[in-house]
Amino acid sequence: MKAFGTVFTDEMTISWNNGDGWTNPEFVPSDSLTLHPGAHVLHYSSTCFEGLKAFRHPDGSVKIFRLDQNIKRFAQSSDMLHLPALDTDLTQQMIIDAVAKFADQVPDAPGSLYIRPTHMGTDPAVGKAAAPSATSVQYVLLSPVGDYFSGGGEVALRVLLNEEGMRCAPHMGMIKSGGNYASALGPIMKAKQDLNADQVLFCPNGDVQETGAANFILFDGNEVITKALDESFLHGITRNSILTLASDRGMDVQERELSVEELLERAAKPGCEAALSGTAAVLTSVGTLIYRGQEYQVGSGQPGTTTRDLRKALNDIQWGLADDPHGWLTTIPVIHKAE
């Protein structure tokens, strides 16, 4: 199977804002985007995106998971980057129309259709280093995918604790922007090369925050511990879903500060588990923490029962194998294609 997110449907939906509102969306070939070389996004990183998934259910229907929350965060990112305001109803319709058109390419479980709405500044003005783009484009890419990590949640990850750096500038953490991922790439590549680590968990001044591409959650018995929401890191929708499912089970969900010292102390206890959560990662176990040249095993060092159970509970809702008590799924209308 090809790498996650490298296969795309033939077409995407697209809409332009030239300063006087959004054009009617249209379908275009997925490799047809044309930008001026001076476009604001290419020089000043005025771009944000979302990542969400559509799932095929046993009855053949297709449903999108937490569409409303992803659009809400997409609009928030756009506002914080001072891009032209999204028409959220238009964006929602673009996503639904795209998934409906390519519903036949939504894989059966355990696969899904990854959805990537993107918004970029298009002003051809290299003099706007200190000014926002007044024009922009939004489009929706679709990619049939399997698991993000090769182990499919059954292989525990190795994660480096980094106290010196940050994933991104603190005031940018809530924005799902490509620049934030780029700023984390150097430390991640070095950790992979030097320590065979899968990811870096950024812990500036000992404050456990997030990895380069996912939120971090600690499970210690009935306790669920993760950093309290603030503007310094991304407010993960999968994170929120996992915490909700844990609370439904009567677990003690704690959104609070977590220090490296407390993390290592708890990680050494039998039965302790740690995991990364995200749209792509779902809920993937962390088995080893690397800190100041030493390796610390988390619990048994293998995927634990709580992580597996919560991952399965989330997947079962997404794939229609369990009820959807929180109303997280949006049903996609069936389009009957001509023979």
C-alpha atoms as a PDB file:
ATOM      1  CA  MET A   1       0.000   0.000   0.000  1.00  0.00           C
ATOM      2  CA  LYS A   2       1.218   3.495  -0.829  1.00  0.00           C
ATOM      3  CA  ALA A   3       2.158   5.927   1.943  1.00  0.00           C
ATOM      4  CA  PHE A   4      -0.636   7.691   3.838  1.00  0.00           C
ATOM      5  CA  GLY A   5      -2.008  10.676   1.914  1.00  0.00           C
ATOM      6  CA  THR A   6      -0.204  10.091  -1.400  1.00  0.00           C
ATOM      7  CA  VAL A   7      -3.183   8.831  -3.426  1.00  0.00           C
ATOM      8  CA  PHE A   8      -5.844  11.372  -4.439  1.00  0.00           C
ATOM      9  CA  THR A   9      -9.178  11.340  -6.204  1.00  0.00           C
ATOM     10  CA  ASP A  10      -9.109  12.720  -9.742  1.00  0.00           C
ATOM     11  CA  GLU A  11     -10.902  15.943  -8.844  1.00  0.00           C
ATOM     12  CA  MET A  12     -11.228  18.446  -6.007  1.00  0.00           C
ATOM     13  CA  THR A  13     -13.697  21.232  -5.245  1.00  0.00           C
ATOM     14  CA  ILE A  14     -12.399  24.801  -5.362  1.00  0.00           C
ATOM     15  CA  SER A  15     -13.641  28.357  -4.695  1.00  0.00           C
ATOM     16  CA  TRP A  16     -11.823  31.684  -5.053  1.00  0.00           C
ATOM     17  CA  ASN A  17     -12.221  34.933  -3.116  1.00  0.00           C
ATOM     18  CA  ASN A  18     -10.948  37.913  -5.088  1.00  0.00           C
ATOM     19  CA  GLY A  19     -11.939  40.399  -2.422  1.00  0.00           C
ATOM     20  CA  ASP A  20     -15.623  40.562  -3.267  1.00  0.00           C
ATOM     21  CA  GLY A  21     -16.889  37.241  -1.943  1.00  0.00           C
ATOM     22  CA  TRP A  22     -16.566  33.582  -2.808  1.00  0.00           C
ATOM     23  CA  THR A  23     -17.090  32.178  -6.297  1.00  0.00           C
ATOM     24  CA  ASN A  24     -19.434  29.261  -6.847  1.00  0.00           C
ATOM     25  CA  PRO A  25     -17.483  26.067  -6.130  1.00  0.00           C
ATOM     26  CA  GLU A  26     -16.518  23.874  -9.057  1.00  0.00           C
ATOM     27  CA  PHE A  27     -14.821  20.556  -9.585  1.00  0.00           C
ATOM     28  CA  VAL A  28     -11.392  20.719 -11.208  1.00  0.00           C
ATOM     29  CA  PRO A  29      -8.587  18.171 -11.659  1.00  0.00           C
ATOM     30  CA  SER A  30      -6.737  17.689  -8.380  1.00  0.00           C
ATOM     31  CA  ASP A  31      -3.429  18.740  -9.968  1.00  0.00           C
ATOM     32  CA  SER A  32      -4.754  21.903 -11.635  1.00  0.00           C
ATOM     33  CA  LEU A  33      -4.124  24.648  -9.044  1.00  0.00           C
ATOM     34  CA  THR A  34      -2.389  27.706 -10.534  1.00  0.00           C
ATOM     35  CA  LEU A  35      -0.849  30.436  -8.370  1.00  0.00           C
ATOM     36  CA  HIS A  36       1.132  33.549  -9.202  1.00  0.00           C
ATOM     37  CA  PRO A  37       4.793  33.099  -8.126  1.00  0.00           C
ATOM     38  CA  GLY A  38       4.331  36.172  -5.930  1.00  0.00           C
ATOM     39  CA  ALA A  39       1.292  34.742  -4.129  1.00  0.00           C
ATOM     40  CA  HIS A  40       1.210  35.692  -0.460  1.00  0.00           C
ATOM     41  CA  VAL A  41       1.104  32.062   0.664  1.00  0.00           C
ATOM     42  CA  LEU A  42       4.372  31.207  -1.089  1.00  0.00           C
ATOM     43  CA  HIS A  43       6.286  33.953   0.700  1.00  0.00           C
ATOM     44  CA  TYR A  44       4.517  34.587   4.001  1.00  0.00           C
ATOM     45  CA  SER A  45       2.859  31.225   4.789  1.00  0.00           C
ATOM     46  CA  SER A  46      -0.726  32.510   4.846  1.00  0.00           C
ATOM     47  CA  THR A  47      -2.231  29.049   4.800  1.00  0.00           C
ATOM     48  CA  CYS A  48      -4.235  26.727   7.007  1.00  0.00           C
ATOM     49  CA  PHE A  49      -5.964  23.404   6.534  1.00  0.00           C
ATOM     50  CA  GLU A  50      -8.048  20.729   8.205  1.00  0.00           C
ATOM     51  CA  GLY A  51      -7.877  16.958   8.390  1.00  0.00           C
ATOM     52  CA  LEU A  52     -11.023  14.877   8.800  1.00  0.00           C
ATOM     53  CA  LYS A  53     -12.307  11.550   7.547  1.00  0.00           C
ATOM     54  CA  ALA A  54     -15.287   9.885   5.906  1.00  0.00           C
ATOM     55  CA  PHE A  55     -16.094   6.256   6.727  1.00  0.00           C
ATOM     56  CA  ARG A  56     -18.013   3.492   4.943  1.00  0.00           C
ATOM     57  CA  HIS A  57     -20.601   1.771   7.144  1.00  0.00           C
ATOM     58  CA  PRO A  58     -21.734  -1.871   6.854  1.00  0.00           C
ATOM     59  CA  ASP A  59     -24.942  -0.808   5.110  1.00  0.00           C
ATOM     60  CA  GLY A  60     -22.898   0.923   2.384  1.00  0.00           C
ATOM     61  CA  SER A  61     -23.616   4.464   3.574  1.00  0.00           C
ATOM     62  CA  VAL A  62     -20.800   7.016   3.965  1.00  0.00           C
ATOM     63  CA  LYS A  63     -20.525   9.344   6.947  1.00  0.00           C
ATOM     64  CA  ILE A  64     -18.125  12.160   7.869  1.00  0.00           C
ATOM     65  CA  PHE A  65     -16.832  12.295  11.429  1.00  0.00           C
ATOM     66  CA  ARG A  66     -17.229  15.604  13.328  1.00  0.00           C
ATOM     67  CA  LEU A  67     -17.603  17.774  10.247  1.00  0.00           C
ATOM     68  CA  ASP A  68     -18.980  20.726  12.225  1.00  0.00           C
ATOM     69  CA  GLN A  69     -16.002  20.893  14.602  1.00  0.00           C
ATOM     70  CA  ASN A  70     -13.450  20.713  11.808  1.00  0.00           C
ATOM     71  CA  ILE A  71     -15.156  23.546   9.927  1.00  0.00           C
ATOM     72  CA  LYS A  72     -15.282  25.602  13.125  1.00  0.00           C
ATOM     73  CA  ARG A  73     -11.528  25.128  13.657  1.00  0.00           C
ATOM     74  CA  PHE A  74     -10.859  25.818   9.950  1.00  0.00           C
ATOM     75  CA  ALA A  75     -12.655  29.162  10.224  1.00  0.00           C
ATOM     76  CA  GLN A  76     -10.785  29.967  13.452  1.00  0.00           C
ATOM     77  CA  SER A  77      -7.417  29.273  11.805  1.00  0.00           C
ATOM     78  CA  SER A  78      -8.369  31.468   8.853  1.00  0.00           C
ATOM     79  CA  ASP A  79      -9.370  34.313  11.165  1.00  0.00           C
ATOM     80  CA  MET A  80      -6.148  34.067  13.183  1.00  0.00           C
ATOM     81  CA  LEU A  81      -4.119  34.246   9.957  1.00  0.00           C
ATOM     82  CA  HIS A  82      -6.196  37.274   8.848  1.00  0.00           C
ATOM     83  CA  LEU A  83      -7.273  35.532   5.662  1.00  0.00           C
ATOM     84  CA  PRO A  84     -10.613  36.465   4.056  1.00  0.00           C
ATOM     85  CA  ALA A  85     -13.405  35.078   6.222  1.00  0.00           C
ATOM     86  CA  LEU A  86     -14.692  31.669   5.252  1.00  0.00           C
ATOM     87  CA  ASP A  87     -18.315  31.162   4.355  1.00  0.00           C
ATOM     88  CA  THR A  88     -18.679  28.097   6.582  1.00  0.00           C
ATOM     89  CA  ASP A  89     -21.902  26.956   4.919  1.00  0.00           C
ATOM     90  CA  LEU A  90     -20.116  27.074   1.553  1.00  0.00           C
ATOM     91  CA  THR A  91     -17.137  25.161   2.949  1.00  0.00           C
ATOM     92  CA  GLN A  92     -19.419  22.500   4.401  1.00  0.00           C
ATOM     93  CA  GLN A  93     -21.208  22.078   1.106  1.00  0.00           C
ATOM     94  CA  MET A  94     -17.895  21.817  -0.759  1.00  0.00           C
ATOM     95  CA  ILE A  95     -16.816  18.989   1.545  1.00  0.00           C
ATOM     96  CA  ILE A  96     -20.134  17.152   1.329  1.00  0.00           C
ATOM     97  CA  ASP A  97     -20.302  17.501  -2.468  1.00  0.00           C
ATOM     98  CA  ALA A  98     -16.741  16.243  -2.892  1.00  0.00           C
ATOM     99  CA  VAL A  99     -17.262  13.202  -0.673  1.00  0.00           C
ATOM    100  CA  ALA A 100     -20.614  12.451  -2.312  1.00  0.00           C
ATOM    101  CA  LYS A 101     -19.080  12.527  -5.787  1.00  0.00           C
ATOM    102  CA  PHE A 102     -16.284  10.146  -4.811  1.00  0.00           C
ATOM    103  CA  ALA A 103     -18.201   8.057  -2.267  1.00  0.00           C
ATOM    104  CA  ASP A 104     -17.376   4.935  -4.257  1.00  0.00           C
ATOM    105  CA  GLN A 105     -13.701   5.508  -3.388  1.00  0.00           C
ATOM    106  CA  VAL A 106     -14.258   5.469   0.382  1.00  0.00           C
ATOM    107  CA  PRO A 107     -12.467   2.285   1.518  1.00  0.00           C
ATOM    108  CA  ASP A 108     -14.103  -0.333   3.687  1.00  0.00           C
ATOM    109  CA  ALA A 109     -12.911  -0.612   7.284  1.00  0.00           C
ATOM    110  CA  PRO A 110     -10.182  -0.345   8.418  1.00  0.00           C
ATOM    111  CA  GLY A 111      -9.627   2.292   5.725  1.00  0.00           C
ATOM    112  CA  SER A 112     -11.224   5.721   5.343  1.00  0.00           C
ATOM    113  CA  LEU A 113     -11.335   8.735   3.052  1.00  0.00           C
ATOM    114  CA  TYR A 114      -9.071  11.496   4.344  1.00  0.00           C
ATOM    115  CA  ILE A 115     -10.442  14.986   3.655  1.00  0.00           C
ATOM    116  CA  ARG A 116      -8.082  17.973   3.414  1.00  0.00           C
ATOM    117  CA  PRO A 117      -9.782  21.409   3.134  1.00  0.00           C
ATOM    118  CA  THR A 118      -7.131  24.068   2.529  1.00  0.00           C
ATOM    119  CA  HIS A 119      -7.248  27.889   2.558  1.00  0.00           C
ATOM    120  CA  MET A 120      -4.416  30.048   1.158  1.00  0.00           C
ATOM    121  CA  GLY A 121      -3.676  33.722   0.580  1.00  0.00           C
ATOM    122  CA  THR A 122      -3.275  34.529  -3.139  1.00  0.00           C
ATOM    123  CA  ASP A 123      -2.369  38.241  -3.320  1.00  0.00           C
ATOM    124  CA  PRO A 124       0.516  38.588  -5.808  1.00  0.00           C
ATOM    125  CA  ALA A 125       2.382  41.039  -3.587  1.00  0.00           C
ATOM    126  CA  VAL A 126       5.825  40.265  -2.170  1.00  0.00           C
ATOM    127  CA  GLY A 127       5.737  43.613  -0.353  1.00  0.00           C
ATOM    128  CA  LYS A 128       3.046  42.368   2.035  1.00  0.00           C
ATOM    129  CA  ALA A 129       5.356  40.868   4.652  1.00  0.00           C
ATOM    130  CA  ALA A 130       3.532  42.835   7.348  1.00  0.00           C
ATOM    131  CA  ALA A 131       0.055  42.835   5.799  1.00  0.00           C
ATOM    132  CA  PRO A 132      -2.520  40.100   5.195  1.00  0.00           C
ATOM    133  CA  SER A 133      -3.669  38.773   1.851  1.00  0.00           C
ATOM    134  CA  ALA A 134      -6.951  40.315   0.701  1.00  0.00           C
ATOM    135  CA  THR A 135      -7.618  37.459  -1.717  1.00  0.00           C
ATOM    136  CA  SER A 136      -7.535  33.704  -1.249  1.00  0.00           C
ATOM    137  CA  VAL A 137      -8.516  30.265  -2.484  1.00  0.00           C
ATOM    138  CA  GLN A 138     -10.013  27.294  -0.690  1.00  0.00           C
ATOM    139  CA  TYR A 139     -10.160  23.753  -2.005  1.00  0.00           C
ATOM    140  CA  VAL A 140     -10.973  20.261  -0.755  1.00  0.00           C
ATOM    141  CA  LEU A 141      -8.642  17.352  -1.530  1.00  0.00           C
ATOM    142  CA  LEU A 142      -9.644  13.737  -0.950  1.00  0.00           C
ATOM    143  CA  SER A 143      -7.319  10.801  -0.306  1.00  0.00           C
ATOM    144  CA  PRO A 144      -8.276   7.147   0.364  1.00  0.00           C
ATOM    145  CA  VAL A 145      -6.055   6.009   3.253  1.00  0.00           C
ATOM    146  CA  GLY A 146      -5.200   3.210   5.632  1.00  0.00           C
ATOM    147  CA  ASP A 147      -3.325   3.572   8.924  1.00  0.00           C
ATOM    148  CA  TYR A 148      -0.944   6.500   9.425  1.00  0.00           C
ATOM    149  CA  PHE A 149       1.598   4.511  11.448  1.00  0.00           C
ATOM    150  CA  SER A 150       2.721   1.238   9.868  1.00  0.00           C
ATOM    151  CA  GLY A 151       1.864  -0.771  12.997  1.00  0.00           C
ATOM    152  CA  GLY A 152      -1.805   0.180  12.804  1.00  0.00           C
ATOM    153  CA  GLY A 153      -1.930   0.953  16.522  1.00  0.00           C
ATOM    154  CA  GLU A 154      -0.427  -2.419  17.495  1.00  0.00           C
ATOM    155  CA  VAL A 155       3.190  -1.245  17.652  1.00  0.00           C
ATOM    156  CA  ALA A 156       4.120   1.154  20.460  1.00  0.00           C
ATOM    157  CA  LEU A 157       6.019   4.294  19.421  1.00  0.00           C
ATOM    158  CA  ARG A 158       9.346   5.690  20.600  1.00  0.00           C
ATOM    159  CA  VAL A 159       9.039   9.372  21.550  1.00  0.00           C
ATOM    160  CA  LEU A 160      11.760  11.868  22.465  1.00  0.00           C
ATOM    161  CA  LEU A 161      11.014  14.433  25.185  1.00  0.00           C
ATOM    162  CA  ASN A 162      12.355  17.824  24.092  1.00  0.00           C
ATOM    163  CA  GLU A 163      12.521  20.501  26.814  1.00  0.00           C
ATOM    164  CA  GLU A 164      14.523  23.044  24.828  1.00  0.00           C
ATOM    165  CA  GLY A 165      12.334  23.654  21.806  1.00  0.00           C
ATOM    166  CA  MET A 166       8.695  24.303  20.994  1.00  0.00           C
ATOM    167  CA  ARG A 167       6.605  22.938  18.174  1.00  0.00           C
ATOM    168  CA  CYS A 168       5.764  26.470  17.078  1.00  0.00           C
ATOM    169  CA  ALA A 169       5.451  30.032  18.333  1.00  0.00           C
ATOM    170  CA  PRO A 170       3.088  29.980  21.370  1.00  0.00           C
ATOM    171  CA  HIS A 171       0.560  32.397  19.874  1.00  0.00           C
ATOM    172  CA  MET A 172       0.330  30.221  16.726  1.00  0.00           C
ATOM    173  CA  GLY A 173      -0.407  26.910  18.441  1.00  0.00           C
ATOM    174  CA  MET A 174      -4.191  26.959  17.919  1.00  0.00           C
ATOM    175  CA  ILE A 175      -3.792  27.444  14.158  1.00  0.00           C
ATOM    176  CA  LYS A 176      -3.655  24.345  11.960  1.00  0.00           C
ATOM    177  CA  SER A 177      -1.048  25.846   9.664  1.00  0.00           C
ATOM    178  CA  GLY A 178       1.659  24.263   7.561  1.00  0.00           C
ATOM    179  CA  GLY A 179       4.257  26.561   9.101  1.00  0.00           C
ATOM    180  CA  ASN A 180       3.739  24.933  12.508  1.00  0.00           C
ATOM    181  CA  TYR A 181       4.479  21.497  11.093  1.00  0.00           C
ATOM    182  CA  ALA A 182       7.522  22.821   9.232  1.00  0.00           C
ATOM    183  CA  SER A 183       8.957  24.360  12.403  1.00  0.00           C
ATOM    184  CA  ALA A 184       8.838  20.956  14.129  1.00  0.00           C
ATOM    185  CA  LEU A 185      10.388  19.043  11.255  1.00  0.00           C
ATOM    186  CA  GLY A 186      14.052  19.650  12.144  1.00  0.00           C
ATOM    187  CA  PRO A 187      13.856  18.225  15.681  1.00  0.00           C
ATOM    188  CA  ILE A 188      11.765  15.290  14.457  1.00  0.00           C
ATOM    189  CA  MET A 189      14.208  14.356  11.709  1.00  0.00           C
ATOM    190  CA  LYS A 190      17.157  14.602  14.090  1.00  0.00           C
ATOM    191  CA  ALA A 191      15.373  12.418  16.669  1.00  0.00           C
ATOM    192  CA  LYS A 192      14.631   9.813  14.002  1.00  0.00           C
ATOM    193  CA  GLN A 193      18.198   9.785  12.741  1.00  0.00           C
ATOM    194  CA  ASP A 194      19.996   9.859  16.093  1.00  0.00           C
ATOM    195  CA  LEU A 195      17.624   7.885  18.326  1.00  0.00           C
ATOM    196  CA  ASN A 196      15.301   5.939  16.027  1.00  0.00           C
ATOM    197  CA  ALA A 197      12.433   7.925  17.558  1.00  0.00           C
ATOM    198  CA  ASP A 198       9.041   8.067  15.855  1.00  0.00           C
ATOM    199  CA  GLN A 199       8.106  11.507  17.146  1.00  0.00           C
ATOM    200  CA  VAL A 200       9.153  14.377  19.408  1.00  0.00           C
ATOM    201  CA  LEU A 201       7.024  15.418  22.390  1.00  0.00           C
ATOM    202  CA  PHE A 202       7.684  19.104  22.955  1.00  0.00           C
ATOM    203  CA  CYS A 203       7.960  19.966  26.659  1.00  0.00           C
ATOM    204  CA  PRO A 204       9.278  23.552  26.893  1.00  0.00           C
ATOM    205  CA  ASN A 205      10.579  24.227  30.393  1.00  0.00           C
ATOM    206  CA  GLY A 206       9.260  20.821  31.460  1.00  0.00           C
ATOM    207  CA  ASP A 207       5.648  21.479  30.383  1.00  0.00           C
ATOM    208  CA  VAL A 208       4.351  18.459  28.439  1.00  0.00           C
ATOM    209  CA  GLN A 209       2.500  19.846  25.394  1.00  0.00           C
ATOM    210  CA  GLU A 210       2.139  18.022  22.053  1.00  0.00           C
ATOM    211  CA  THR A 211       4.166  16.184  19.442  1.00  0.00           C
ATOM    212  CA  GLY A 212       4.924  17.450  15.965  1.00  0.00           C
ATOM    213  CA  ALA A 213       1.648  16.107  14.600  1.00  0.00           C
ATOM    214  CA  ALA A 214      -0.548  14.840  17.446  1.00  0.00           C
ATOM    215  CA  ASN A 215      -1.812  15.507  20.961  1.00  0.00           C
ATOM    216  CA  PHE A 216      -0.464  13.527  23.926  1.00  0.00           C
ATOM    217  CA  ILE A 217      -2.607  11.669  26.490  1.00  0.00           C
ATOM    218  CA  LEU A 218      -1.524   9.735  29.588  1.00  0.00           C
ATOM    219  CA  PHE A 219      -3.630   6.900  31.058  1.00  0.00           C
ATOM    220  CA  ASP A 220      -2.839   5.927  34.641  1.00  0.00           C
ATOM    221  CA  GLY A 221      -5.424   3.523  36.032  1.00  0.00           C
ATOM    222  CA  ASN A 222      -8.735   5.407  35.975  1.00  0.00           C
ATOM    223  CA  GLU A 223      -6.996   8.759  35.407  1.00  0.00           C
ATOM    224  CA  VAL A 224      -6.751  10.401  31.997  1.00  0.00           C
ATOM    225  CA  ILE A 225      -4.288  13.291  31.953  1.00  0.00           C
ATOM    226  CA  THR A 226      -3.627  15.743  29.118  1.00  0.00           C
ATOM    227  CA  LYS A 227      -2.615  19.372  28.843  1.00  0.00           C
ATOM    228  CA  ALA A 228      -5.353  21.928  29.457  1.00  0.00           C
ATOM    229  CA  LEU A 229      -6.403  23.891  26.390  1.00  0.00           C
ATOM    230  CA  ASP A 230      -4.590  27.157  25.744  1.00  0.00           C
ATOM    231  CA  GLU A 231      -3.395  28.982  22.633  1.00  0.00           C
ATOM    232  CA  SER A 232       0.040  27.294  22.600  1.00  0.00           C
ATOM    233  CA  PHE A 233      -1.052  23.990  21.024  1.00  0.00           C
ATOM    234  CA  LEU A 234      -3.623  22.553  18.648  1.00  0.00           C
ATOM    235  CA  HIS A 235      -7.052  21.761  20.071  1.00  0.00           C
ATOM    236  CA  GLY A 236      -7.390  18.270  18.654  1.00  0.00           C
ATOM    237  CA  ILE A 237     -10.851  17.049  17.691  1.00  0.00           C
ATOM    238  CA  THR A 238      -9.771  13.434  18.112  1.00  0.00           C
ATOM    239  CA  ARG A 239      -8.373  14.428  21.523  1.00  0.00           C
ATOM    240  CA  ASN A 240     -11.772  15.838  22.473  1.00  0.00           C
ATOM    241  CA  SER A 241     -13.514  12.703  21.204  1.00  0.00           C
ATOM    242  CA  ILE A 242     -11.258  10.383  23.209  1.00  0.00           C
ATOM    243  CA  LEU A 243     -11.728  12.446  26.371  1.00  0.00           C
ATOM    244  CA  THR A 244     -15.501  12.363  25.858  1.00  0.00           C
ATOM    245  CA  LEU A 245     -15.507   8.583  25.445  1.00  0.00           C
ATOM    246  CA  ALA A 246     -13.303   8.207  28.526  1.00  0.00           C
ATOM    247  CA  SER A 247     -15.678  10.408  30.538  1.00  0.00           C
ATOM    248  CA  ASP A 248     -18.627   8.320  29.285  1.00  0.00           C
ATOM    249  CA  ARG A 249     -16.903   5.317  30.879  1.00  0.00           C
ATOM    250  CA  GLY A 250     -16.600   7.079  34.211  1.00  0.00           C
ATOM    251  CA  MET A 251     -12.888   7.746  33.935  1.00  0.00           C
ATOM    252  CA  ASP A 252     -11.326  10.700  35.768  1.00  0.00           C
ATOM    253  CA  VAL A 253     -10.474  13.093  32.904  1.00  0.00           C
ATOM    254  CA  GLN A 254      -7.956  15.747  33.959  1.00  0.00           C
ATOM    255  CA  GLU A 255      -7.094  18.607  31.604  1.00  0.00           C
ATOM    256  CA  ARG A 256      -4.218  20.259  33.429  1.00  0.00           C
ATOM    257  CA  GLU A 257      -0.506  20.945  33.430  1.00  0.00           C
ATOM    258  CA  LEU A 258       1.670  17.843  33.277  1.00  0.00           C
ATOM    259  CA  SER A 259       5.386  18.104  33.991  1.00  0.00           C
ATOM    260  CA  VAL A 260       8.112  15.894  32.564  1.00  0.00           C
ATOM    261  CA  GLU A 261       8.945  14.839  36.119  1.00  0.00           C
ATOM    262  CA  GLU A 262       5.374  13.664  36.801  1.00  0.00           C
ATOM    263  CA  LEU A 263       5.152  12.005  33.390  1.00  0.00           C
ATOM    264  CA  LEU A 264       8.284   9.907  33.968  1.00  0.00           C
ATOM    265  CA  GLU A 265       7.210   9.027  37.510  1.00  0.00           C
ATOM    266  CA  ARG A 266       3.799   7.814  36.357  1.00  0.00           C
ATOM    267  CA  ALA A 267       5.158   6.110  33.226  1.00  0.00           C
ATOM    268  CA  ALA A 268       7.252   3.766  35.366  1.00  0.00           C
ATOM    269  CA  LYS A 269       4.169   2.359  37.106  1.00  0.00           C
ATOM    270  CA  PRO A 270       2.757  -1.010  35.975  1.00  0.00           C
ATOM    271  CA  GLY A 271      -0.336  -0.516  33.858  1.00  0.00           C
ATOM    272  CA  CYS A 272       0.435   3.075  32.894  1.00  0.00           C
ATOM    273  CA  GLU A 273      -0.169   3.913  29.223  1.00  0.00           C
ATOM    274  CA  ALA A 274       0.600   6.852  26.962  1.00  0.00           C
ATOM    275  CA  ALA A 275      -0.759   7.597  23.501  1.00  0.00           C
ATOM    276  CA  LEU A 276      -0.806  10.104  20.651  1.00  0.00           C
ATOM    277  CA  SER A 277      -4.190  11.220  19.335  1.00  0.00           C
ATOM    278  CA  GLY A 278      -5.070  12.791  16.013  1.00  0.00           C
ATOM    279  CA  THR A 279      -7.161  12.337  12.879  1.00  0.00           C
ATOM    280  CA  ALA A 280      -4.379  10.375  11.191  1.00  0.00           C
ATOM    281  CA  ALA A 281      -2.903   8.687  14.292  1.00  0.00           C
ATOM    282  CA  VAL A 282      -6.355   7.956  15.833  1.00  0.00           C
ATOM    283  CA  LEU A 283      -5.003   6.763  19.216  1.00  0.00           C
ATOM    284  CA  THR A 284      -1.539   5.206  18.956  1.00  0.00           C
ATOM    285  CA  SER A 285       0.414   3.844  21.930  1.00  0.00           C
ATOM    286  CA  VAL A 286       3.726   5.229  23.130  1.00  0.00           C
ATOM    287  CA  GLY A 287       5.919   2.495  24.609  1.00  0.00           C
ATOM    288  CA  THR A 288       9.221   4.301  25.158  1.00  0.00           C
ATOM    289  CA  LEU A 289      10.083   7.829  26.277  1.00  0.00           C
ATOM    290  CA  ILE A 290      13.607   9.073  25.544  1.00  0.00           C
ATOM    291  CA  TYR A 291      14.866  11.771  27.899  1.00  0.00           C
ATOM    292  CA  ARG A 292      18.359  13.176  28.383  1.00  0.00           C
ATOM    293  CA  GLY A 293      20.050  10.171  26.835  1.00  0.00           C
ATOM    294  CA  GLN A 294      18.050   7.545  28.728  1.00  0.00           C
ATOM    295  CA  GLU A 295      15.098   5.408  27.706  1.00  0.00           C
ATOM    296  CA  TYR A 296      12.069   5.026  29.968  1.00  0.00           C
ATOM    297  CA  GLN A 297       9.544   2.285  29.361  1.00  0.00           C
ATOM    298  CA  VAL A 298       5.898   3.294  29.642  1.00  0.00           C
ATOM    299  CA  GLY A 299       4.122   0.579  31.627  1.00  0.00           C
ATOM    300  CA  SER A 300       4.730  -2.713  29.827  1.00  0.00           C
ATOM    301  CA  GLY A 301       6.221  -0.938  26.829  1.00  0.00           C
ATOM    302  CA  GLN A 302       3.431  -2.356  24.651  1.00  0.00           C
ATOM    303  CA  PRO A 303      -0.010  -1.079  23.602  1.00  0.00           C
ATOM    304  CA  GLY A 304      -2.236  -1.253  26.680  1.00  0.00           C
ATOM    305  CA  THR A 305      -5.831  -2.214  27.274  1.00  0.00           C
ATOM    306  CA  THR A 306      -7.160   1.313  27.835  1.00  0.00           C
ATOM    307  CA  THR A 307      -5.579   2.653  24.649  1.00  0.00           C
ATOM    308  CA  ARG A 308      -6.851  -0.290  22.618  1.00  0.00           C
ATOM    309  CA  ASP A 309     -10.357  -0.054  24.110  1.00  0.00           C
ATOM    310  CA  LEU A 310     -10.733   3.682  23.515  1.00  0.00           C
ATOM    311  CA  ARG A 311      -9.316   3.428  19.996  1.00  0.00           C
ATOM    312  CA  LYS A 312     -11.783   0.643  19.228  1.00  0.00           C
ATOM    313  CA  ALA A 313     -14.672   2.598  20.781  1.00  0.00           C
ATOM    314  CA  LEU A 314     -13.875   5.574  18.553  1.00  0.00           C
ATOM    315  CA  ASN A 315     -13.385   3.455  15.433  1.00  0.00           C
ATOM    316  CA  ASP A 316     -16.608   1.530  16.070  1.00  0.00           C
ATOM    317  CA  ILE A 317     -18.580   4.794  16.044  1.00  0.00           C
ATOM    318  CA  GLN A 318     -16.750   5.997  12.933  1.00  0.00           C
ATOM    319  CA  TRP A 319     -17.329   2.747  11.013  1.00  0.00           C
ATOM    320  CA  GLY A 320     -20.925   2.350  12.143  1.00  0.00           C
ATOM    321  CA  LEU A 321     -20.285  -0.657  14.389  1.00  0.00           C
ATOM    322  CA  ALA A 322     -21.628   1.145  17.473  1.00  0.00           C
ATOM    323  CA  ASP A 323     -24.222   3.815  18.233  1.00  0.00           C
ATOM    324  CA  ASP A 324     -23.349   7.483  17.788  1.00  0.00           C
ATOM    325  CA  PRO A 325     -24.665   8.917  21.085  1.00  0.00           C
ATOM    326  CA  HIS A 326     -23.069  12.342  20.618  1.00  0.00           C
ATOM    327  CA  GLY A 327     -24.253  12.936  17.059  1.00  0.00           C
ATOM    328  CA  TRP A 328     -20.744  13.083  15.600  1.00  0.00           C
ATOM    329  CA  LEU A 329     -21.557  11.631  12.168  1.00  0.00           C
ATOM    330  CA  THR A 330     -22.872  13.464   9.087  1.00  0.00           C
ATOM    331  CA  THR A 331     -24.516  11.281   6.451  1.00  0.00           C
ATOM    332  CA  ILE A 332     -23.461  11.881   2.847  1.00  0.00           C
ATOM    333  CA  PRO A 333     -26.256  11.806   0.216  1.00  0.00           C
ATOM    334  CA  VAL A 334     -25.965   9.040  -2.362  1.00  0.00           C
ATOM    335  CA  ILE A 335     -25.215  10.149  -5.920  1.00  0.00           C
ATOM    336  CA  HIS A 336     -26.194   7.572  -8.542  1.00  0.00           C
ATOM    337  CA  LYS A 337     -23.687   7.879 -11.362  1.00  0.00           C
ATOM    338  CA  ALA A 338     -24.767   7.336 -14.931  1.00  0.00           C
ATOM    339  CA  GLU A 339     -23.747   4.028 -16.472  1.00  0.00           C
END
